């Protein structure tokens, strides 16, 4: 049958199982929005307040659901407003298809009104991108985009469609979606045996797992491996939830703000098994002192990550779930009680804690876990509050922490929580924010209210850009240049102006009551938590230091 390009696009999205698009209309995508009007009983469109919010919402939808997120924007500024969200998804391996309109074919390259070479702009931050120059190619391009976004290491793909392509007609016929390649047949038997041998011979193994475990839904296989090996497990920020935080083998987060137990374990282990993780600079710190006594095994779906930052003893390239299934059959159980006793002593000696009668983020996060019975999805903005969340909220399942890791995008959380709430309407979603991050995209409160999404925004309000201020305090002789945010914003009144509900939380003893009231309202809520400006994130590895030189509190700080 013959359809317009816009209709072909929507048919292809339906073919791919898309049920929700996040976007913002404009001139170059009017034909697409006209088609969406016709298909409104088959596909939902969420109108965000800004295109960046649409990209973050599609990202949050993808992280919470495991499906491909879709966002849509017009040409020029609409397209460029997606860029930060696309880059965020790229750094964290999130499957996303971003669709942009552009000027008609005959106006491309002529500095036409609202024309931007979004194809060129996004080339470094997408797995692949397309510009459609023939309506007859549109359906195949959409199918390829979804295949690329999902297969292997997931990531964003951009499709740029000139306006006249969306009006032209072409033949369209439905096609079945191709099965995702799990790379199961590419695992070399010789390599598997070699890795299994190294693992079985180790006396002090440590598993370092990242976001790839959650992406592959390999959390059960990871747990089985840890228990068979009697190996403690540490997680990257993106890996939180891939291994239960309440498991006896869990040592906490690794890296710059990791626990002292995890960082010392890396230093003392004789085998480090990295699974679905990429050895970022925030994890390895001083490279020449990273895991100095260990053989390193790396299991990852992306061959480009192997030996990129850290050289390995051996590695396996493949889907983490499939690889762990095979490896788990080769593990020989061995007594490693001495190693585990040492780890448990470290956990007891250096366990995270807070000692204050005042309202603290740590206390609020523990209360959120309690009142939600550990069953919430937690989105975050970026800053101190993000790290406190990773440290103190007990993530026990994958896909429950929605946070910008690689790019560290302030303003990410509210849009992402909208996407997560739409993906998982049966769950309660909290967005943990700092006052600085929240201000960046607070306009998306209007979106949450419009669609009656019961998201609870918890602002850890220290009236500062807290993480930057912490660095200025520790490494810049307390020169607090442009990090004080002593502004007059009343977040409760602001929430009410948007049609949400607002609470001020200033006393520790009011925390549980306010959280329970917020949950009971079942509508968008903002809770403004007034916390001390000088609260710091501990532990912390100073820049240029090795992991074992982690500072655990004020008394550890060396002053010149």
Protein backbone atom coordinates (compact mmCIF):
# COMPACT_ATOMS: atom_id res chain seq x y z
CA UNK A 1 0.00 0.00 0.00
CA UNK A 2 1.10 3.57 -0.66
CA UNK A 3 1.63 5.82 2.34
CA UNK A 4 3.25 9.18 2.98
CA UNK A 5 6.73 9.23 4.52
CA UNK A 6 5.20 10.39 7.81
CA UNK A 7 2.76 7.47 7.81
CA UNK A 8 5.53 5.03 6.91
CA UNK A 9 7.55 6.32 9.87
CA UNK A 10 4.68 5.73 12.31
CA UNK A 11 3.91 2.29 10.83
CA UNK A 12 7.58 1.33 11.26
CA UNK A 13 7.57 2.54 14.86
CA UNK A 14 4.51 0.40 15.57
CA UNK A 15 6.22 -2.49 13.78
CA UNK A 16 9.14 -2.11 16.22
CA UNK A 17 6.83 -2.27 19.24
CA UNK A 18 7.00 1.44 20.08
CA UNK A 19 4.09 2.57 22.24
CA UNK A 20 5.34 6.00 23.37
CA UNK A 21 7.16 8.91 21.74
CA UNK A 22 8.52 11.90 23.66
CA UNK A 23 8.72 15.06 21.61
CA UNK A 24 8.02 18.66 20.75
CA UNK A 25 6.49 19.81 17.43
CA UNK A 26 7.75 22.34 14.92
CA UNK A 27 7.52 23.26 11.26
CA UNK A 28 9.81 20.58 9.83
CA UNK A 29 7.89 17.77 11.56
CA UNK A 30 4.33 18.98 10.96
CA UNK A 31 3.60 16.08 8.59
CA UNK A 32 4.80 13.62 11.25
CA UNK A 33 2.60 15.24 13.89
CA UNK A 34 -0.33 15.13 11.49
CA UNK A 35 0.24 11.39 11.11
CA UNK A 36 0.52 11.02 14.90
CA UNK A 37 -2.92 12.65 15.16
CA UNK A 38 -4.30 9.94 12.87
CA UNK A 39 -2.55 7.18 14.83
CA UNK A 40 -3.27 8.53 18.32
CA UNK A 41 -5.24 5.42 19.29
CA UNK A 42 -2.20 3.24 18.54
CA UNK A 43 0.76 5.26 19.78
CA UNK A 44 1.09 7.78 22.62
CA UNK A 45 2.92 11.07 22.33
CA UNK A 46 4.20 12.82 25.46
CA UNK A 47 4.59 16.56 24.93
CA UNK A 48 7.53 17.66 27.07
CA UNK A 49 8.38 21.25 27.97
CA UNK A 50 11.69 21.24 26.09
CA UNK A 51 13.38 18.96 23.59
CA UNK A 52 16.16 18.12 26.05
CA UNK A 53 13.44 16.88 28.40
CA UNK A 54 12.14 14.67 25.58
CA UNK A 55 15.56 13.10 25.05
CA UNK A 56 16.04 12.48 28.78
CA UNK A 57 12.51 11.06 29.07
CA UNK A 58 13.15 8.64 26.19
CA UNK A 59 16.41 7.69 27.92
CA UNK A 60 14.67 7.06 31.27
CA UNK A 61 11.97 5.05 29.50
CA UNK A 62 14.63 2.86 27.89
CA UNK A 63 16.61 2.33 31.11
CA UNK A 64 13.52 1.39 33.11
CA UNK A 65 11.92 -0.85 30.48
CA UNK A 66 14.85 -2.30 28.52
CA UNK A 67 13.09 -1.21 25.32
CA UNK A 68 14.28 1.38 22.79
CA UNK A 69 13.33 4.94 23.77
CA UNK A 70 12.10 7.30 21.02
CA UNK A 71 12.22 11.10 20.90
CA UNK A 72 11.14 13.50 18.18
CA UNK A 73 12.10 17.11 17.47
CA UNK A 74 11.95 19.63 14.68
CA UNK A 75 14.92 20.99 12.73
CA UNK A 76 17.49 23.55 13.86
CA UNK A 77 17.21 24.43 17.55
CA UNK A 78 14.77 21.58 18.13
CA UNK A 79 17.36 19.10 16.90
CA UNK A 80 20.28 20.70 18.73
CA UNK A 81 18.27 20.71 21.96
CA UNK A 82 18.32 16.91 21.77
CA UNK A 83 22.12 16.74 21.62
CA UNK A 84 22.83 16.66 25.37
CA UNK A 85 20.29 13.87 25.82
CA UNK A 86 21.73 11.89 22.92
CA UNK A 87 25.25 12.26 24.33
CA UNK A 88 24.01 11.15 27.76
CA UNK A 89 22.51 8.00 26.25
CA UNK A 90 25.66 7.35 24.22
CA UNK A 91 27.96 7.46 27.24
CA UNK A 92 25.73 5.10 29.23
CA UNK A 93 24.91 2.65 26.40
CA UNK A 94 21.17 3.39 26.32
CA UNK A 95 19.15 2.26 23.27
CA UNK A 96 17.55 5.38 21.83
CA UNK A 97 16.22 6.44 18.43
CA UNK A 98 16.12 10.21 17.98
CA UNK A 99 14.07 11.44 15.03
CA UNK A 100 14.57 14.97 13.73
CA UNK A 101 12.95 16.91 10.95
CA UNK A 102 14.96 19.02 8.55
CA UNK A 103 14.39 21.51 5.74
CA UNK A 104 13.32 20.14 2.35
CA UNK A 105 15.97 18.41 0.23
CA UNK A 106 16.39 21.35 -2.16
CA UNK A 107 17.16 23.68 0.76
CA UNK A 108 19.76 21.49 2.50
CA UNK A 109 23.15 23.16 2.76
CA UNK A 110 21.83 26.63 1.96
CA UNK A 111 21.65 28.05 5.49
CA UNK A 112 17.87 27.84 5.30
CA UNK A 113 15.60 28.88 8.15
CA UNK A 114 16.06 26.52 11.10
CA UNK A 115 18.59 24.38 9.22
CA UNK A 116 21.36 22.61 11.12
CA UNK A 117 23.58 19.76 9.96
CA UNK A 118 22.39 17.54 12.80
CA UNK A 119 23.85 14.54 10.97
CA UNK A 120 27.32 16.05 11.33
CA UNK A 121 26.71 17.38 14.83
CA UNK A 122 25.69 13.99 16.23
CA UNK A 123 28.19 11.79 14.41
CA UNK A 124 30.54 11.51 17.43
CA UNK A 125 27.71 10.81 19.93
CA UNK A 126 25.65 8.17 18.14
CA UNK A 127 26.26 4.54 17.22
CA UNK A 128 25.09 5.50 13.74
CA UNK A 129 23.03 8.23 12.13
CA UNK A 130 21.05 8.61 8.94
CA UNK A 131 19.72 11.38 6.74
CA UNK A 132 16.84 10.17 4.56
CA UNK A 133 17.10 11.40 0.96
CA UNK A 134 14.65 9.00 -0.69
CA UNK A 135 11.23 8.15 0.72
CA UNK A 136 11.63 4.62 -0.64
CA UNK A 137 14.53 4.10 1.78
CA UNK A 138 12.71 5.37 4.86
CA UNK A 139 11.23 2.09 6.14
CA UNK A 140 14.51 0.20 5.84
CA UNK A 141 16.38 3.04 7.57
CA UNK A 142 13.98 3.01 10.51
CA UNK A 143 14.37 -0.76 10.82
CA UNK A 144 18.15 -0.50 10.66
CA UNK A 145 18.13 2.26 13.27
CA UNK A 146 16.29 0.11 15.79
CA UNK A 147 18.46 -2.90 15.06
CA UNK A 148 21.64 -0.87 15.57
CA UNK A 149 20.30 0.78 18.75
CA UNK A 150 19.56 -2.63 20.33
CA UNK A 151 22.24 -5.01 19.13
CA UNK A 152 25.63 -5.49 20.74
CA UNK A 153 26.42 -2.62 23.05
CA UNK A 154 23.25 -0.53 22.90
CA UNK A 155 23.28 3.16 22.09
CA UNK A 156 21.51 6.06 20.37
CA UNK A 157 20.83 6.32 16.64
CA UNK A 158 19.59 9.46 14.89
CA UNK A 159 17.31 9.62 11.85
CA UNK A 160 17.14 13.04 10.16
CA UNK A 161 14.19 13.37 7.77
CA UNK A 162 13.77 16.37 5.41
CA UNK A 163 10.22 17.73 5.46
CA UNK A 164 9.39 16.90 1.84
CA UNK A 165 10.32 13.24 2.43
CA UNK A 166 7.54 13.05 5.04
CA UNK A 167 5.01 14.27 2.44
CA UNK A 168 6.10 12.04 -0.48
CA UNK A 169 4.41 8.69 -1.00
CA UNK A 170 5.95 5.23 -1.32
CA UNK A 171 4.95 1.59 -1.08
CA UNK A 172 4.98 0.15 2.41
CA UNK A 173 4.59 -3.40 3.65
CA UNK A 174 5.00 -4.66 7.21
CA UNK A 175 8.04 -6.79 8.12
CA UNK A 176 8.76 -8.96 11.13
CA UNK A 177 11.36 -7.61 13.52
CA UNK A 178 14.66 -9.48 13.32
CA UNK A 179 15.79 -11.30 16.46
CA UNK A 180 18.54 -9.57 18.44
CA UNK A 181 21.96 -11.20 18.03
CA UNK A 182 23.23 -12.28 21.45
CA UNK A 183 26.73 -13.16 20.17
CA UNK A 184 26.35 -16.59 21.74
CA UNK A 185 28.05 -18.37 18.86
CA UNK A 186 31.13 -16.16 18.97
CA UNK A 187 32.37 -17.37 22.37
CA UNK A 188 35.57 -19.31 21.84
CA UNK A 189 35.74 -22.58 23.81
CA UNK A 190 39.49 -22.25 24.29
CA UNK A 191 39.07 -18.75 25.73
CA UNK A 192 36.26 -19.85 28.04
CA UNK A 193 38.44 -22.64 29.43
CA UNK A 194 41.37 -20.29 29.91
CA UNK A 195 39.25 -17.75 31.82
CA UNK A 196 37.67 -20.51 33.92
CA UNK A 197 41.15 -21.84 34.78
CA UNK A 198 42.34 -18.41 35.92
CA UNK A 199 39.21 -17.98 38.02
CA UNK A 200 39.46 -21.40 39.64
CA UNK A 201 43.15 -20.94 40.49
CA UNK A 202 42.64 -17.60 42.24
CA UNK A 203 42.79 -17.30 46.02
CA UNK A 204 41.48 -13.74 46.36
CA UNK A 205 39.03 -13.06 43.51
CA UNK A 206 37.01 -9.85 43.28
CA UNK A 207 34.18 -9.19 40.83
CA UNK A 208 33.81 -5.66 39.50
CA UNK A 209 30.48 -5.36 37.66
CA UNK A 210 29.06 -2.49 35.66
CA UNK A 211 25.99 -1.40 33.75
CA UNK A 212 26.44 -4.11 31.13
CA UNK A 213 25.16 -6.68 33.64
CA UNK A 214 21.85 -4.82 33.96
CA UNK A 215 21.61 -4.18 30.23
CA UNK A 216 22.02 -7.91 29.60
CA UNK A 217 19.65 -8.85 32.46
CA UNK A 218 22.46 -11.02 33.81
CA UNK A 219 21.97 -10.23 37.50
CA UNK A 220 21.03 -13.82 38.39
CA UNK A 221 24.04 -15.22 36.53
CA UNK A 222 26.29 -12.70 38.29
CA UNK A 223 24.91 -13.74 41.68
CA UNK A 224 25.46 -17.40 40.85
CA UNK A 225 29.08 -16.72 39.83
CA UNK A 226 29.84 -14.74 42.98
CA UNK A 227 28.39 -17.44 45.23
CA UNK A 228 30.18 -20.27 43.43
CA UNK A 229 33.51 -18.41 43.48
CA UNK A 230 32.99 -17.09 47.01
CA UNK A 231 34.05 -13.76 45.52
CA UNK A 232 33.10 -10.35 46.91
CA UNK A 233 31.37 -8.03 44.43
CA UNK A 234 31.85 -4.31 43.89
CA UNK A 235 29.80 -2.23 41.45
CA UNK A 236 30.29 0.89 39.37
CA UNK A 237 27.71 3.67 39.62
CA UNK A 238 26.01 2.35 36.48
CA UNK A 239 26.09 -1.17 37.90
CA UNK A 240 24.08 -0.38 41.03
CA UNK A 241 21.26 -2.90 41.31
CA UNK A 242 23.02 -5.52 39.20
CA UNK A 243 23.98 -7.26 42.44
CA UNK A 244 21.82 -6.98 45.59
CA UNK A 245 23.07 -4.33 48.00
CA UNK A 246 21.90 -6.49 50.91
CA UNK A 247 23.91 -9.55 49.79
CA UNK A 248 26.66 -10.65 52.16
CA UNK A 249 29.23 -10.59 49.32
CA UNK A 250 28.51 -6.99 48.33
CA UNK A 251 31.24 -4.50 49.24
CA UNK A 252 29.65 -1.32 47.87
CA UNK A 253 30.57 1.00 45.04
CA UNK A 254 34.09 1.17 43.59
CA UNK A 255 36.17 4.20 42.64
CA UNK A 256 36.41 7.87 43.48
CA UNK A 257 33.43 7.71 45.84
CA UNK A 258 33.52 3.99 46.42
CA UNK A 259 33.74 2.36 49.82
CA UNK A 260 37.15 1.91 51.39
CA UNK A 261 36.41 -1.83 51.50
CA UNK A 262 35.90 -2.00 47.73
CA UNK A 263 38.95 0.10 46.97
CA UNK A 264 41.20 -1.89 49.32
CA UNK A 265 39.81 -5.13 47.90
CA UNK A 266 40.89 -4.03 44.41
CA UNK A 267 44.35 -3.34 45.77
CA UNK A 268 44.61 -6.70 47.60
CA UNK A 269 42.88 -9.13 45.22
CA UNK A 270 44.85 -11.57 43.06
CA UNK A 271 42.14 -11.70 40.38
CA UNK A 272 39.84 -8.88 39.26
CA UNK A 273 36.93 -10.03 37.10
CA UNK A 274 35.44 -7.04 35.28
CA UNK A 275 31.99 -7.79 33.89
CA UNK A 276 30.07 -5.34 31.69
CA UNK A 277 32.22 -2.45 32.90
CA UNK A 278 34.56 -0.09 31.09
CA UNK A 279 37.32 0.91 33.56
CA UNK A 280 36.48 4.61 33.55
CA UNK A 281 38.84 7.13 35.10
CA UNK A 282 36.42 7.55 38.04
CA UNK A 283 36.93 3.85 38.80
CA UNK A 284 40.65 3.29 38.24
CA UNK A 285 42.02 6.62 39.60
CA UNK A 286 45.86 6.32 39.51
CA UNK A 287 46.29 3.81 36.71
CA UNK A 288 49.74 2.50 37.67
CA UNK A 289 48.48 1.60 41.15
CA UNK A 290 45.20 0.00 40.04
CA UNK A 291 44.86 -3.67 41.06
CA UNK A 292 48.65 -4.02 41.37
CA UNK A 293 48.56 -7.63 42.62
CA UNK A 294 45.87 -8.95 40.30
CA UNK A 295 45.42 -10.71 37.04
CA UNK A 296 42.57 -8.96 35.24
CA UNK A 297 39.80 -10.72 33.30
CA UNK A 298 37.44 -8.57 31.24
CA UNK A 299 34.04 -9.75 29.96
CA UNK A 300 32.24 -7.25 27.74
CA UNK A 301 30.14 -7.14 24.60
CA UNK A 302 32.15 -4.27 23.11
CA UNK A 303 35.54 -5.34 21.78
CA UNK A 304 36.63 -1.68 21.69
CA UNK A 305 36.64 -1.61 25.51
CA UNK A 306 39.09 -4.50 25.81
CA UNK A 307 42.59 -3.28 26.74
CA UNK A 308 41.49 0.33 26.12
CA UNK A 309 42.20 1.70 29.60
CA UNK A 310 43.52 -1.36 31.46
CA UNK A 311 45.45 -4.29 30.00
CA UNK A 312 44.00 -7.72 30.74
CA UNK A 313 45.34 -11.19 31.37
CA UNK A 314 42.51 -12.60 29.27
CA UNK A 315 39.10 -11.51 28.06
CA UNK A 316 35.86 -12.66 26.47
CA UNK A 317 33.89 -10.55 24.02
CA UNK A 318 30.23 -11.46 24.11
CA UNK A 319 26.85 -10.91 25.67
CA UNK A 320 27.41 -10.96 29.44
CA UNK A 321 24.41 -13.16 30.22
CA UNK A 322 25.44 -15.80 27.69
CA UNK A 323 29.08 -15.74 28.76
CA UNK A 324 28.29 -16.05 32.47
CA UNK A 325 25.92 -18.95 31.81
CA UNK A 326 28.77 -20.90 30.23
CA UNK A 327 31.42 -19.83 32.74
CA UNK A 328 29.24 -20.80 35.69
CA UNK A 329 29.30 -24.42 34.51
CA UNK A 330 33.13 -24.40 34.64
CA UNK A 331 33.61 -22.96 38.14
CA UNK A 332 35.01 -25.34 40.73
CA UNK A 333 34.06 -24.35 44.28
CA UNK A 334 37.02 -23.65 46.53
CA UNK A 335 37.58 -22.61 50.13
CA UNK A 336 38.19 -18.87 50.17
CA UNK A 337 37.08 -18.28 53.74
CA UNK A 338 40.29 -16.48 54.69
CA UNK A 339 39.78 -13.92 51.91
CA UNK A 340 36.13 -13.42 52.81
CA UNK A 341 37.00 -13.03 56.48
CA UNK A 342 39.43 -10.25 55.55
CA UNK A 343 36.76 -8.55 53.41
CA UNK A 344 34.20 -8.79 56.22
CA UNK A 345 36.66 -7.23 58.65
CA UNK A 346 37.13 -4.33 56.23
CA UNK A 347 33.35 -3.95 55.85
CA UNK A 348 32.92 -3.76 59.60
CA UNK A 349 35.82 -1.34 60.07
CA UNK A 350 34.93 0.99 57.19
CA UNK A 351 31.16 0.70 56.91
CA UNK A 352 29.35 3.77 55.68
CA UNK A 353 27.61 5.81 58.31
CA UNK A 354 26.48 9.24 59.36
CA UNK A 355 26.35 10.73 62.83
CA UNK A 356 24.08 13.72 63.06
CA UNK A 357 20.94 14.84 64.81
CA UNK A 358 20.31 17.18 61.91
CA UNK A 359 18.47 16.45 58.68
CA UNK A 360 20.94 14.68 56.36
CA UNK A 361 20.62 13.26 52.84
CA UNK A 362 21.70 9.85 54.09
CA UNK A 363 18.86 9.75 56.59
CA UNK A 364 16.32 10.88 53.98
CA UNK A 365 17.49 8.22 51.51
CA UNK A 366 17.22 5.49 54.13
CA UNK A 367 13.68 6.67 54.91
CA UNK A 368 12.76 6.66 51.21
CA UNK A 369 13.90 3.04 51.06
CA UNK A 370 11.80 2.20 54.12
CA UNK A 371 8.56 3.92 53.13
CA UNK A 372 8.75 2.61 49.54
CA UNK A 373 9.63 -0.86 50.88
CA UNK A 374 12.64 -0.87 48.57
CA UNK A 375 10.38 -1.17 45.53
CA UNK A 376 10.81 2.27 43.98
CA UNK A 377 12.63 3.41 40.86
CA UNK A 378 15.16 6.08 41.78
CA UNK A 379 16.23 8.67 39.24
CA UNK A 380 18.89 11.25 40.06
CA UNK A 381 20.29 14.48 38.82
CA UNK A 382 24.09 14.83 39.04
CA UNK A 383 26.16 15.95 42.00
CA UNK A 384 26.58 15.09 45.68
CA UNK A 385 22.99 13.86 45.95
CA UNK A 386 23.66 11.36 43.15
CA UNK A 387 26.58 9.80 45.00
CA UNK A 388 24.76 9.77 48.35
CA UNK A 389 21.93 7.93 46.56
CA UNK A 390 24.28 5.29 45.16
CA UNK A 391 25.90 4.86 48.56
CA UNK A 392 22.88 4.80 50.87
CA UNK A 393 19.84 3.59 48.95
CA UNK A 394 19.87 -0.24 48.90
CA UNK A 395 19.48 -1.12 45.22
CA UNK A 396 18.61 -4.81 45.01
CA UNK A 397 17.37 -5.13 41.42
CA UNK A 398 18.58 -3.93 38.03
CA UNK A 399 16.87 -1.05 36.18
CA UNK A 400 15.99 0.71 39.43
CA UNK A 401 18.70 3.41 39.40
CA UNK A 402 18.26 5.86 36.52
CA UNK A 403 21.28 8.17 36.56
CA UNK A 404 23.67 9.88 34.16
CA UNK A 405 27.04 8.24 34.74
CA UNK A 406 29.44 8.81 31.86
CA UNK A 407 28.40 12.31 30.84
CA UNK A 408 27.29 13.50 34.28
CA UNK A 409 24.37 15.53 32.95
CA UNK A 410 22.88 18.00 35.40
CA UNK A 411 19.19 18.40 34.63
CA UNK A 412 18.85 14.75 33.56
CA UNK A 413 16.76 13.37 36.40
CA UNK A 414 13.34 14.97 36.07
CA UNK A 415 12.95 14.14 32.38
CA UNK A 416 14.33 10.65 32.99
CA UNK A 417 11.91 10.08 35.87
CA UNK A 418 9.02 11.02 33.57
CA UNK A 419 10.15 8.39 31.07
CA UNK A 420 10.67 5.80 33.81
CA UNK A 421 7.23 6.46 35.31
CA UNK A 422 5.55 6.04 31.92
CA UNK A 423 7.52 2.84 31.27
CA UNK A 424 6.63 1.45 34.72
CA UNK A 425 3.27 2.94 35.79
CA UNK A 426 2.92 0.32 38.54
CA UNK A 427 6.10 1.59 40.31
CA UNK A 428 6.68 4.73 42.35
CA UNK A 429 9.42 6.94 40.96
CA UNK A 430 11.56 9.32 43.02
CA UNK A 431 13.86 11.91 41.48
CA UNK A 432 16.68 12.75 43.88
CA UNK A 433 17.95 16.22 42.97
CA UNK A 434 20.25 18.99 44.07
CA UNK A 435 18.98 22.55 43.99
CA UNK A 436 21.45 23.41 41.21
CA UNK A 437 20.56 20.44 38.98
CA UNK A 438 16.83 20.81 39.58
CA UNK A 439 16.82 24.42 38.37
CA UNK A 440 18.24 23.37 35.00
CA UNK A 441 15.16 21.51 33.75
CA UNK A 442 12.49 22.14 36.36
CA UNK A 443 10.15 23.15 33.53
CA UNK A 444 9.42 19.43 33.09
CA UNK A 445 7.29 19.65 36.25
CA UNK A 446 4.65 20.95 33.87
CA UNK A 447 4.90 17.69 31.92
CA UNK A 448 4.58 15.56 35.06
CA UNK A 449 1.48 17.54 36.10
CA UNK A 450 -0.09 17.47 32.63
CA UNK A 451 0.11 13.67 32.48
CA UNK A 452 -0.64 13.21 36.20
CA UNK A 453 2.57 11.29 36.87
CA UNK A 454 3.03 10.68 40.63
CA UNK A 455 6.75 11.44 40.61
CA UNK A 456 8.24 12.62 43.92
CA UNK A 457 11.11 15.07 43.51
CA UNK A 458 13.34 15.21 46.59
CA UNK A 459 15.64 18.24 46.49
CA UNK A 460 18.74 18.01 48.69
CA UNK A 461 18.88 21.78 49.00
CA UNK A 462 22.23 23.01 50.31
CA UNK A 463 21.97 26.35 48.49
CA UNK A 464 25.15 25.52 46.58
CA UNK A 465 26.61 23.61 43.67
CA UNK A 466 27.58 21.05 46.28
CA UNK A 467 30.07 18.81 44.50
CA UNK A 468 31.97 21.70 42.93
CA UNK A 469 31.94 23.51 46.28
CA UNK A 470 33.36 20.37 47.93
CA UNK A 471 36.29 20.42 45.48
CA UNK A 472 36.80 24.13 46.09
CA UNK A 473 36.79 23.45 49.82
CA UNK A 474 39.32 20.62 49.61
CA UNK A 475 41.59 21.60 46.72
CA UNK A 476 41.11 25.33 46.01
CA UNK A 477 41.74 26.77 49.49
CA UNK A 478 38.02 27.46 50.02
CA UNK A 479 37.74 29.93 47.14
CA UNK A 480 34.03 29.41 46.51
CA UNK A 481 33.89 30.96 43.07
CA UNK A 482 30.30 31.02 41.71
CA UNK A 483 29.12 27.96 43.64
CA UNK A 484 26.90 29.61 46.25
CA UNK A 485 23.23 29.50 45.26
CA UNK A 486 21.68 31.71 47.93
CA UNK A 487 18.74 32.52 45.71
CA UNK A 488 15.24 33.38 46.77
CA UNK A 489 13.46 30.52 45.01
CA UNK A 490 10.64 29.05 47.08
CA UNK A 491 10.45 25.49 45.76
CA UNK A 492 7.11 24.80 47.47
CA UNK A 493 5.44 27.80 45.81
CA UNK A 494 7.14 26.91 42.55
CA UNK A 495 5.72 23.38 42.71
CA UNK A 496 2.26 24.77 43.42
CA UNK A 497 2.57 27.21 40.51
CA UNK A 498 3.10 24.24 38.20
CA UNK A 499 0.10 22.43 39.69
CA UNK A 500 2.19 20.02 41.80
CA UNK A 501 2.25 19.73 45.57
CA UNK A 502 5.13 21.00 47.70
CA UNK A 503 6.59 20.29 51.15
CA UNK A 504 9.39 21.92 53.09
CA UNK A 505 11.38 19.41 55.13
CA UNK A 506 13.61 21.01 57.74
CA UNK A 507 13.50 18.58 60.68
CA UNK A 508 14.74 15.01 60.78
CA UNK A 509 11.74 13.85 62.79
CA UNK A 510 9.30 15.04 60.06
CA UNK A 511 10.90 12.97 57.28
CA UNK A 512 8.82 9.81 57.46
CA UNK A 513 5.50 11.64 57.81
CA UNK A 514 6.18 13.90 54.81
CA UNK A 515 7.34 10.99 52.63
CA UNK A 516 4.20 9.01 53.50
CA UNK A 517 1.99 12.03 52.72
CA UNK A 518 3.77 12.49 49.38
CA UNK A 519 3.19 8.85 48.44
CA UNK A 520 -0.45 9.01 49.48
CA UNK A 521 -1.14 12.07 47.30
CA UNK A 522 -0.44 10.01 44.15
CA UNK A 523 0.38 13.14 42.16
CA UNK A 524 3.56 15.10 41.36
CA UNK A 525 5.23 16.27 44.57
CA UNK A 526 8.32 18.35 45.34
CA UNK A 527 9.98 17.93 48.75
CA UNK A 528 12.51 20.65 49.57
CA UNK A 529 15.01 19.23 52.09
CA UNK A 530 17.07 21.94 53.74
CA UNK A 531 20.53 20.46 54.38
CA UNK A 532 23.87 21.87 55.54
CA UNK A 533 25.89 23.63 52.84
CA UNK A 534 29.15 22.07 54.04
CA UNK A 535 28.09 18.42 54.04
CA UNK A 536 30.54 16.40 51.97
CA UNK A 537 30.50 13.14 50.08
CA UNK A 538 32.69 10.57 51.80
CA UNK A 539 34.60 8.44 50.93
CA UNK A 540 36.57 10.27 48.25
CA UNK A 541 39.77 9.48 46.37
CA UNK A 542 41.63 12.76 45.76
CA UNK A 543 42.65 13.54 42.16
CA UNK A 544 45.93 11.83 41.26
CA UNK A 545 45.76 9.45 44.23
CA UNK A 546 45.48 5.66 44.20
CA UNK A 547 42.29 3.87 45.21
CA UNK A 548 43.71 2.75 48.55
CA UNK A 549 44.40 6.41 49.45
CA UNK A 550 40.68 7.02 49.77
CA UNK A 551 39.65 9.66 52.33
CA UNK A 552 36.82 8.51 54.58
CA UNK A 553 36.10 11.76 56.43
CA UNK A 554 37.25 15.19 57.53
CA UNK A 555 39.87 13.70 59.89
CA UNK A 556 41.54 12.03 56.90
CA UNK A 557 42.05 15.25 54.95
CA UNK A 558 45.70 16.33 54.78
CA UNK A 559 46.13 20.11 54.78
CA UNK A 560 49.30 21.89 53.75
